[in-house]
Amino acid sequence: MGTNPKRDKPIVVAFVAATSGTGKTTLIEALVKLLKEKGYKVGTVKHAGHEAEFDREGSDSWRFTRAGADVTVLAAKGQLAVFRAIKQLSLDDALLEAASGTDIILVEGFKEMSVAKIEVYRSGHSEELYCRGDESQDPYLVAVASDMPLDLDVPVLNLNDPVEVCEFIVDRFIK
């Protein structure tokens, strides 16, 4: 498969939920493996609602970043990490970094952004869907991955079957 020469930028699909603990990370992890097996180049973006520590305190790269470097690149055997100072958290900035050489970017979070979304719903974790609740009819919702049947205006996929979710993504966005 690989990169589609007709597409100038990767496909972006966000996985969102009303609450944490629904299985977004586990599902994305499985989807990365499945998409890689199909030959696609996959990027991921994780939105953290809190400040996260990405670099080990006291390391050289940590010291450069803390000294005020606008960009610090950590090059290690088989890995490259970019630490970029930003004024405001933006999905566009994260996608720009993740897009290099990828066919698809799987995003965890950024539920307010205007990108295709698959909501992850696990019974017992929230009263209602985030994108189809009493207050919300998100037009970017393309499917719901759930552990129970739901009557919705978008496809409901089996949360416990990552192959089904992967096939939906490939059929809907890549083929």
C-alpha atoms as a PDB file:
ATOM      1  CA  MET A   1       0.000   0.000   0.000  1.00  0.00           C
ATOM      2  CA  GLY A   2       2.105   2.899   1.296  1.00  0.00           C
ATOM      3  CA  THR A   3       1.690   6.577   0.635  1.00  0.00           C
ATOM      4  CA  ASN A   4      -0.951   7.506  -1.911  1.00  0.00           C
ATOM      5  CA  PRO A   5       0.669   9.865  -4.451  1.00  0.00           C
ATOM      6  CA  LYS A   6      -2.739  11.455  -5.212  1.00  0.00           C
ATOM      7  CA  ARG A   7      -3.101  12.636  -1.603  1.00  0.00           C
ATOM      8  CA  ASP A   8      -0.964  15.611  -0.571  1.00  0.00           C
ATOM      9  CA  LYS A   9      -1.614  15.262   3.139  1.00  0.00           C
ATOM     10  CA  PRO A  10      -2.545  12.378   5.405  1.00  0.00           C
ATOM     11  CA  ILE A  11      -6.033  11.431   6.503  1.00  0.00           C
ATOM     12  CA  VAL A  12      -6.859  12.472  10.068  1.00  0.00           C
ATOM     13  CA  VAL A  13      -9.250  10.515  12.281  1.00  0.00           C
ATOM     14  CA  ALA A  14      -9.764  11.509  15.924  1.00  0.00           C
ATOM     15  CA  PHE A  15     -10.912   9.121  18.641  1.00  0.00           C
ATOM     16  CA  VAL A  16     -12.919  10.888  21.320  1.00  0.00           C
ATOM     17  CA  ALA A  17     -15.016   9.988  24.350  1.00  0.00           C
ATOM     18  CA  ALA A  18     -17.093  11.691  27.008  1.00  0.00           C
ATOM     19  CA  THR A  19     -14.858  10.306  29.756  1.00  0.00           C
ATOM     20  CA  SER A  20     -11.473   8.656  30.176  1.00  0.00           C
ATOM     21  CA  GLY A  21     -11.128   4.913  30.639  1.00  0.00           C
ATOM     22  CA  THR A  22     -13.209   3.953  27.623  1.00  0.00           C
ATOM     23  CA  GLY A  23     -10.379   2.264  25.729  1.00  0.00           C
ATOM     24  CA  LYS A  24      -9.289   4.936  23.228  1.00  0.00           C
ATOM     25  CA  THR A  25      -5.580   4.284  23.725  1.00  0.00           C
ATOM     26  CA  THR A  26      -5.983   0.500  23.522  1.00  0.00           C
ATOM     27  CA  LEU A  27      -8.042   0.801  20.324  1.00  0.00           C
ATOM     28  CA  ILE A  28      -5.577   3.203  18.681  1.00  0.00           C
ATOM     29  CA  GLU A  29      -2.672   0.946  19.633  1.00  0.00           C
ATOM     30  CA  ALA A  30      -4.395  -1.995  17.911  1.00  0.00           C
ATOM     31  CA  LEU A  31      -5.265   0.134  14.871  1.00  0.00           C
ATOM     32  CA  VAL A  32      -1.657   1.275  14.462  1.00  0.00           C
ATOM     33  CA  LYS A  33      -0.535  -2.366  14.331  1.00  0.00           C
ATOM     34  CA  LEU A  34      -3.301  -3.355  11.891  1.00  0.00           C
ATOM     35  CA  LEU A  35      -2.733  -0.389   9.568  1.00  0.00           C
ATOM     36  CA  LYS A  36       1.029  -1.014   9.600  1.00  0.00           C
ATOM     37  CA  GLU A  37       0.402  -4.662   8.657  1.00  0.00           C
ATOM     38  CA  LYS A  38      -1.568  -3.355   5.661  1.00  0.00           C
ATOM     39  CA  GLY A  39       1.441  -1.286   4.602  1.00  0.00           C
ATOM     40  CA  TYR A  40       0.247   2.168   5.640  1.00  0.00           C
ATOM     41  CA  LYS A  41       2.481   4.764   7.239  1.00  0.00           C
ATOM     42  CA  VAL A  42       0.770   5.789  10.475  1.00  0.00           C
ATOM     43  CA  GLY A  43       1.214   8.847  12.668  1.00  0.00           C
ATOM     44  CA  THR A  44      -0.372   9.399  16.064  1.00  0.00           C
ATOM     45  CA  VAL A  45      -1.189  12.506  18.079  1.00  0.00           C
ATOM     46  CA  LYS A  46      -2.194  12.336  21.743  1.00  0.00           C
ATOM     47  CA  HIS A  47      -3.909  15.282  23.390  1.00  0.00           C
ATOM     48  CA  ALA A  48      -3.167  15.576  27.083  1.00  0.00           C
ATOM     49  CA  GLY A  49      -5.495  17.786  29.065  1.00  0.00           C
ATOM     50  CA  HIS A  50      -2.665  18.521  31.473  1.00  0.00           C
ATOM     51  CA  GLU A  51       0.994  19.423  31.202  1.00  0.00           C
ATOM     52  CA  ALA A  52       3.020  16.309  30.494  1.00  0.00           C
ATOM     53  CA  GLU A  53       6.691  15.605  31.047  1.00  0.00           C
ATOM     54  CA  PHE A  54       8.092  14.302  27.757  1.00  0.00           C
ATOM     55  CA  ASP A  55      11.754  14.460  28.524  1.00  0.00           C
ATOM     56  CA  ARG A  56      13.726  13.182  31.483  1.00  0.00           C
ATOM     57  CA  GLU A  57      14.596  15.878  33.988  1.00  0.00           C
ATOM     58  CA  GLY A  58      18.264  16.759  33.902  1.00  0.00           C
ATOM     59  CA  SER A  59      18.955  15.369  30.413  1.00  0.00           C
ATOM     60  CA  ASP A  60      20.695  17.613  27.890  1.00  0.00           C
ATOM     61  CA  SER A  61      17.567  18.019  25.761  1.00  0.00           C
ATOM     62  CA  TRP A  62      15.514  18.844  28.884  1.00  0.00           C
ATOM     63  CA  ARG A  63      18.090  21.481  29.805  1.00  0.00           C
ATOM     64  CA  PHE A  64      18.021  23.013  26.296  1.00  0.00           C
ATOM     65  CA  THR A  65      14.213  23.214  26.360  1.00  0.00           C
ATOM     66  CA  ARG A  66      14.169  24.701  29.873  1.00  0.00           C
ATOM     67  CA  ALA A  67      16.810  27.241  28.771  1.00  0.00           C
ATOM     68  CA  GLY A  68      14.307  28.562  26.227  1.00  0.00           C
ATOM     69  CA  ALA A  69      15.117  26.831  22.941  1.00  0.00           C
ATOM     70  CA  ASP A  70      12.213  27.237  20.511  1.00  0.00           C
ATOM     71  CA  VAL A  71      12.913  23.794  19.073  1.00  0.00           C
ATOM     72  CA  THR A  72      14.931  20.939  20.539  1.00  0.00           C
ATOM     73  CA  VAL A  73      15.448  17.779  18.511  1.00  0.00           C
ATOM     74  CA  LEU A  74      16.528  14.649  20.328  1.00  0.00           C
ATOM     75  CA  ALA A  75      18.202  12.221  17.945  1.00  0.00           C
ATOM     76  CA  ALA A  76      18.843   8.749  19.327  1.00  0.00           C
ATOM     77  CA  LYS A  77      19.415   5.351  17.787  1.00  0.00           C
ATOM     78  CA  GLY A  78      16.284   4.647  15.736  1.00  0.00           C
ATOM     79  CA  GLN A  79      14.303   7.607  17.136  1.00  0.00           C
ATOM     80  CA  LEU A  80      13.821  11.319  16.639  1.00  0.00           C
ATOM     81  CA  ALA A  81      11.826  13.494  19.044  1.00  0.00           C
ATOM     82  CA  VAL A  82      10.957  17.140  18.471  1.00  0.00           C
ATOM     83  CA  PHE A  83      10.206  19.460  21.379  1.00  0.00           C
ATOM     84  CA  ARG A  84       8.753  22.736  20.099  1.00  0.00           C
ATOM     85  CA  ALA A  85       7.771  25.708  22.242  1.00  0.00           C
ATOM     86  CA  ILE A  86       4.220  26.842  21.403  1.00  0.00           C
ATOM     87  CA  LYS A  87       2.058  29.691  22.637  1.00  0.00           C
ATOM     88  CA  GLN A  88      -1.238  27.837  22.358  1.00  0.00           C
ATOM     89  CA  LEU A  89      -2.015  24.125  22.044  1.00  0.00           C
ATOM     90  CA  SER A  90      -3.195  23.473  18.491  1.00  0.00           C
ATOM     91  CA  LEU A  91      -4.169  20.331  16.627  1.00  0.00           C
ATOM     92  CA  ASP A  92      -2.803  21.955  13.468  1.00  0.00           C
ATOM     93  CA  ASP A  93       0.672  22.233  15.031  1.00  0.00           C
ATOM     94  CA  ALA A  94       0.548  18.613  16.198  1.00  0.00           C
ATOM     95  CA  LEU A  95      -0.655  17.404  12.797  1.00  0.00           C
ATOM     96  CA  LEU A  96       2.121  19.291  11.039  1.00  0.00           C
ATOM     97  CA  GLU A  97       4.684  17.366  13.090  1.00  0.00           C
ATOM     98  CA  ALA A  98       2.895  14.015  12.661  1.00  0.00           C
ATOM     99  CA  ALA A  99       2.206  14.363   8.927  1.00  0.00           C
ATOM    100  CA  SER A 100       5.724  13.828   7.653  1.00  0.00           C
ATOM    101  CA  GLY A 101       5.637  10.727   5.464  1.00  0.00           C
ATOM    102  CA  THR A 102       2.356   9.342   6.780  1.00  0.00           C
ATOM    103  CA  ASP A 103      -0.822   8.121   5.103  1.00  0.00           C
ATOM    104  CA  ILE A 104      -3.048   8.463   8.154  1.00  0.00           C
ATOM    105  CA  ILE A 105      -2.864  10.138  11.547  1.00  0.00           C
ATOM    106  CA  LEU A 106      -4.835   8.714  14.454  1.00  0.00           C
ATOM    107  CA  VAL A 107      -5.575  11.382  17.051  1.00  0.00           C
ATOM    108  CA  GLU A 108      -6.572  10.713  20.634  1.00  0.00           C
ATOM    109  CA  GLY A 109      -8.575  13.618  21.969  1.00  0.00           C
ATOM    110  CA  PHE A 110      -8.953  17.145  20.566  1.00  0.00           C
ATOM    111  CA  LYS A 111     -12.698  16.488  20.668  1.00  0.00           C
ATOM    112  CA  GLU A 112     -13.583  20.115  19.897  1.00  0.00           C
ATOM    113  CA  MET A 113     -11.676  20.131  16.598  1.00  0.00           C
ATOM    114  CA  SER A 114     -13.280  19.947  13.139  1.00  0.00           C
ATOM    115  CA  VAL A 115     -11.912  16.588  11.982  1.00  0.00           C
ATOM    116  CA  ALA A 116     -13.496  13.192  11.347  1.00  0.00           C
ATOM    117  CA  LYS A 117     -14.251  11.526  14.683  1.00  0.00           C
ATOM    118  CA  ILE A 118     -14.952   8.052  15.935  1.00  0.00           C
ATOM    119  CA  GLU A 119     -16.405   8.190  19.425  1.00  0.00           C
ATOM    120  CA  VAL A 120     -15.404   5.402  21.785  1.00  0.00           C
ATOM    121  CA  TYR A 121     -18.259   4.443  24.098  1.00  0.00           C
ATOM    122  CA  ARG A 122     -17.966   1.878  26.859  1.00  0.00           C
ATOM    123  CA  SER A 123     -21.064   1.073  28.904  1.00  0.00           C
ATOM    124  CA  GLY A 124     -20.808   2.151  32.514  1.00  0.00           C
ATOM    125  CA  HIS A 125     -18.326   4.979  31.832  1.00  0.00           C
ATOM    126  CA  SER A 126     -20.696   7.785  30.886  1.00  0.00           C
ATOM    127  CA  GLU A 127     -24.395   8.482  30.749  1.00  0.00           C
ATOM    128  CA  GLU A 128     -24.417   9.677  27.138  1.00  0.00           C
ATOM    129  CA  LEU A 129     -22.279  10.051  24.066  1.00  0.00           C
ATOM    130  CA  TYR A 130     -20.112  13.138  23.770  1.00  0.00           C
ATOM    131  CA  CYS A 131     -20.885  13.731  20.077  1.00  0.00           C
ATOM    132  CA  ARG A 132     -24.536  12.675  20.164  1.00  0.00           C
ATOM    133  CA  GLY A 133     -25.698  13.732  23.607  1.00  0.00           C
ATOM    134  CA  ASP A 134     -28.533  16.054  24.566  1.00  0.00           C
ATOM    135  CA  GLU A 135     -26.224  19.042  24.053  1.00  0.00           C
ATOM    136  CA  SER A 136     -24.239  17.874  21.003  1.00  0.00           C
ATOM    137  CA  GLN A 137     -24.794  16.798  17.424  1.00  0.00           C
ATOM    138  CA  ASP A 138     -21.197  16.935  16.194  1.00  0.00           C
ATOM    139  CA  PRO A 139     -21.281  16.938  12.364  1.00  0.00           C
ATOM    140  CA  TYR A 140     -17.779  15.413  12.232  1.00  0.00           C
ATOM    141  CA  LEU A 141     -18.824  12.164  13.939  1.00  0.00           C
ATOM    142  CA  VAL A 142     -18.447   9.347  11.379  1.00  0.00           C
ATOM    143  CA  ALA A 143     -18.943   6.318  13.656  1.00  0.00           C
ATOM    144  CA  VAL A 144     -19.128   5.097  17.236  1.00  0.00           C
ATOM    145  CA  ALA A 145     -17.044   2.183  18.521  1.00  0.00           C
ATOM    146  CA  SER A 146     -19.124   0.682  21.335  1.00  0.00           C
ATOM    147  CA  ASP A 147     -19.262  -2.403  23.520  1.00  0.00           C
ATOM    148  CA  MET A 148     -23.058  -2.454  23.195  1.00  0.00           C
ATOM    149  CA  PRO A 149     -25.626  -1.910  20.427  1.00  0.00           C
ATOM    150  CA  LEU A 150     -26.721   1.712  19.954  1.00  0.00           C
ATOM    151  CA  ASP A 151     -29.386   3.249  17.715  1.00  0.00           C
ATOM    152  CA  LEU A 152     -27.601   6.130  15.984  1.00  0.00           C
ATOM    153  CA  ASP A 153     -27.434   8.024  12.701  1.00  0.00           C
ATOM    154  CA  VAL A 154     -23.828   6.836  12.150  1.00  0.00           C
ATOM    155  CA  PRO A 155     -22.380   3.313  11.973  1.00  0.00           C
ATOM    156  CA  VAL A 156     -21.860   1.574  15.322  1.00  0.00           C
ATOM    157  CA  LEU A 157     -18.708  -0.542  15.315  1.00  0.00           C
ATOM    158  CA  ASN A 158     -17.707  -3.264  17.763  1.00  0.00           C
ATOM    159  CA  LEU A 159     -15.247  -1.650  20.192  1.00  0.00           C
ATOM    160  CA  ASN A 160     -13.859  -5.101  21.004  1.00  0.00           C
ATOM    161  CA  ASP A 161     -13.099  -5.856  17.328  1.00  0.00           C
ATOM    162  CA  PRO A 162     -10.263  -3.561  16.156  1.00  0.00           C
ATOM    163  CA  VAL A 163     -10.216  -5.360  12.771  1.00  0.00           C
ATOM    164  CA  GLU A 164     -13.790  -4.153  12.142  1.00  0.00           C
ATOM    165  CA  VAL A 165     -12.833  -0.587  13.107  1.00  0.00           C
ATOM    166  CA  CYS A 166      -9.729  -0.774  10.901  1.00  0.00           C
ATOM    167  CA  GLU A 167     -11.730  -2.000   7.907  1.00  0.00           C
ATOM    168  CA  PHE A 168     -14.218   0.853   8.407  1.00  0.00           C
ATOM    169  CA  ILE A 169     -11.369   3.386   8.387  1.00  0.00           C
ATOM    170  CA  VAL A 170      -9.720   1.871   5.301  1.00  0.00           C
ATOM    171  CA  ASP A 171     -13.032   1.633   3.401  1.00  0.00           C
ATOM    172  CA  ARG A 172     -14.240   5.087   4.407  1.00  0.00           C
ATOM    173  CA  PHE A 173     -11.042   7.114   4.160  1.00  0.00           C
ATOM    174  CA  ILE A 174      -8.239   5.325   2.332  1.00  0.00           C
ATOM    175  CA  LYS A 175      -9.660   3.244  -0.533  1.00  0.00           C
END
